[in-house]
Protein backbone atom coordinates (compact mmCIF):
# COMPACT_ATOMS: atom_id res chain seq x y z
CA MET A 1 -8.02 -24.59 20.53
CA ALA A 2 -5.14 -24.63 18.09
CA VAL A 3 -3.83 -21.35 16.75
CA HIS A 4 -2.55 -21.39 13.19
CA LYS A 5 -0.10 -18.78 12.07
CA ILE A 6 -0.42 -17.99 8.39
CA ASN A 7 2.68 -16.87 6.54
CA PHE A 8 1.67 -14.16 4.07
CA PHE A 9 5.21 -13.67 2.76
CA PRO A 10 4.67 -15.86 -0.34
CA LEU A 11 1.48 -13.92 -1.14
CA VAL A 12 3.31 -10.61 -0.76
CA LEU A 13 6.05 -11.82 -3.10
CA LEU A 14 3.44 -12.95 -5.61
CA VAL A 15 1.65 -9.58 -5.54
CA ILE A 16 4.91 -7.63 -5.82
CA ALA A 17 6.10 -9.89 -8.64
CA GLY A 18 2.80 -9.36 -10.45
CA ILE A 19 3.14 -5.62 -10.11
CA LEU A 20 6.71 -5.72 -11.40
CA ILE A 21 5.87 -8.04 -14.29
CA LEU A 22 2.85 -6.02 -15.35
CA GLY A 23 4.74 -2.77 -14.89
CA ARG A 24 1.76 -1.22 -13.13
CA ASN A 25 2.56 2.34 -14.08
CA ILE A 26 -0.77 3.79 -15.14
CA VAL A 27 -1.19 7.43 -16.05
CA SER A 28 -4.26 9.07 -14.56
CA GLY A 29 -5.70 12.56 -14.73
CA GLN A 30 -4.02 13.56 -11.44
CA GLY A 31 -0.56 12.08 -11.96
CA GLN A 32 1.18 8.73 -11.86
CA CYS A 33 -0.40 5.53 -10.63
CA ASP A 34 3.03 4.01 -10.05
CA PHE A 35 2.96 0.94 -7.82
CA GLN A 36 6.70 0.39 -8.23
CA ALA A 37 7.51 3.81 -6.76
CA LEU A 38 5.55 2.92 -3.63
CA GLN A 39 7.69 -0.13 -2.85
CA VAL A 40 9.85 2.14 -0.66
CA CYS A 41 6.81 2.41 1.64
CA TRP A 42 6.33 -1.31 2.23
CA ASP A 43 7.96 -1.41 5.68
CA TYR A 44 5.61 1.34 6.86
CA VAL A 45 2.30 -0.22 5.72
CA LYS A 46 2.77 -3.97 6.20
CA LYS A 47 0.71 -5.57 8.97
CA GLU A 48 3.71 -6.82 10.92
CA GLY A 49 5.64 -4.43 13.09
CA ASP A 50 5.05 -1.14 14.81
CA MET A 51 3.57 1.97 13.28
CA ILE A 52 6.56 4.15 12.49
CA PRO A 53 6.96 7.43 10.61
CA PRO A 54 7.74 6.88 6.92
CA SER A 55 11.05 7.81 5.35
CA PRO A 56 11.46 10.92 3.21
CA ASP A 57 11.75 8.59 0.18
CA CYS A 58 8.38 7.05 1.01
CA CYS A 59 6.77 10.48 1.41
CA ASN A 60 8.24 11.61 -1.90
CA ALA A 61 6.82 8.52 -3.60
CA ILE A 62 3.39 9.18 -2.10
CA LYS A 63 3.48 12.87 -3.02
CA ASN A 64 4.30 11.98 -6.64
CA THR A 65 1.67 9.26 -6.93
CA ASP A 66 -2.05 9.55 -7.57
CA MET A 67 -3.32 7.66 -4.53
CA SER A 68 -6.90 7.54 -5.80
CA CYS A 69 -5.58 5.74 -8.89
CA ILE A 70 -3.54 3.39 -6.69
CA CYS A 71 -6.66 2.56 -4.66
CA GLN A 72 -8.73 2.07 -7.80
CA HIS A 73 -6.21 -0.45 -9.22
CA LEU A 74 -5.06 -2.06 -5.95
CA PRO A 75 -4.88 -5.85 -6.26
CA PRO A 76 -7.37 -7.35 -3.77
CA GLY A 77 -4.76 -9.93 -2.69
CA ILE A 78 -2.76 -7.20 -0.97
CA CYS A 79 -5.48 -6.43 1.61
CA PRO A 80 -4.60 -9.27 4.02
CA VAL A 81 -0.96 -8.17 4.24
CA ILE A 82 -1.26 -4.40 4.65
CA SER A 83 -2.59 -2.42 7.58
CA MET A 84 -5.05 0.25 6.47
CA LYS A 85 -4.45 2.02 9.79
CA LYS A 86 -0.78 2.27 8.79
CA VAL A 87 -1.65 3.31 5.22
CA ILE A 88 -3.85 6.11 6.58
CA TYR A 89 -1.16 7.12 9.07
CA VAL A 90 1.57 7.18 6.40
CA THR A 91 -0.47 9.13 3.85
CA ASP A 92 -1.55 11.63 6.53
CA TYR A 93 2.06 11.95 7.76
CA CYS A 94 3.19 12.64 4.21
CA LYS A 95 0.49 15.32 3.89
CA LYS A 96 -1.45 13.48 1.19
CA PRO A 97 -4.37 11.88 3.07
CA LEU A 98 -6.51 9.21 1.46
CA GLY A 99 -9.70 10.95 2.50
CA GLY A 100 -11.34 7.84 3.94
CA PRO A 101 -10.81 4.49 5.66
CA THR A 102 -10.71 2.43 2.46
CA CYS A 103 -8.40 1.91 -0.48
CA GLY A 104 -9.80 -0.32 -3.21
CA THR A 105 -11.34 -3.29 -1.42
CA CYS A 106 -9.07 -2.80 1.62
CA THR A 107 -10.63 -1.31 4.74
CA GLU A 108 -9.48 -0.70 8.30
CA MET A 109 -11.29 -3.90 9.21
CA HIS A 110 -8.79 -6.11 7.31
């Protein structure tokens, strides 16, 4: 049985480019829904690699971002390239837990 390795890097670039182009900085009732600010957290939530504690910059971005707004507006194309286990770990570590195993259409099962 042949094993195919899929390279998600182009998809990640496309999603990030879309976020940058659209300037996804939405104001919600609880604060900023700023996707750009969360780019400093990418290394801590991507599927590849070990689960590692986030940087202080990442935690600051999470603390200053309305995560429920982020989850509500999360592009579905990002689900295959992030680890929800890592997202939950990072948000818990930064003392701003998601409050569940899902974010938008992304679940721990992805």
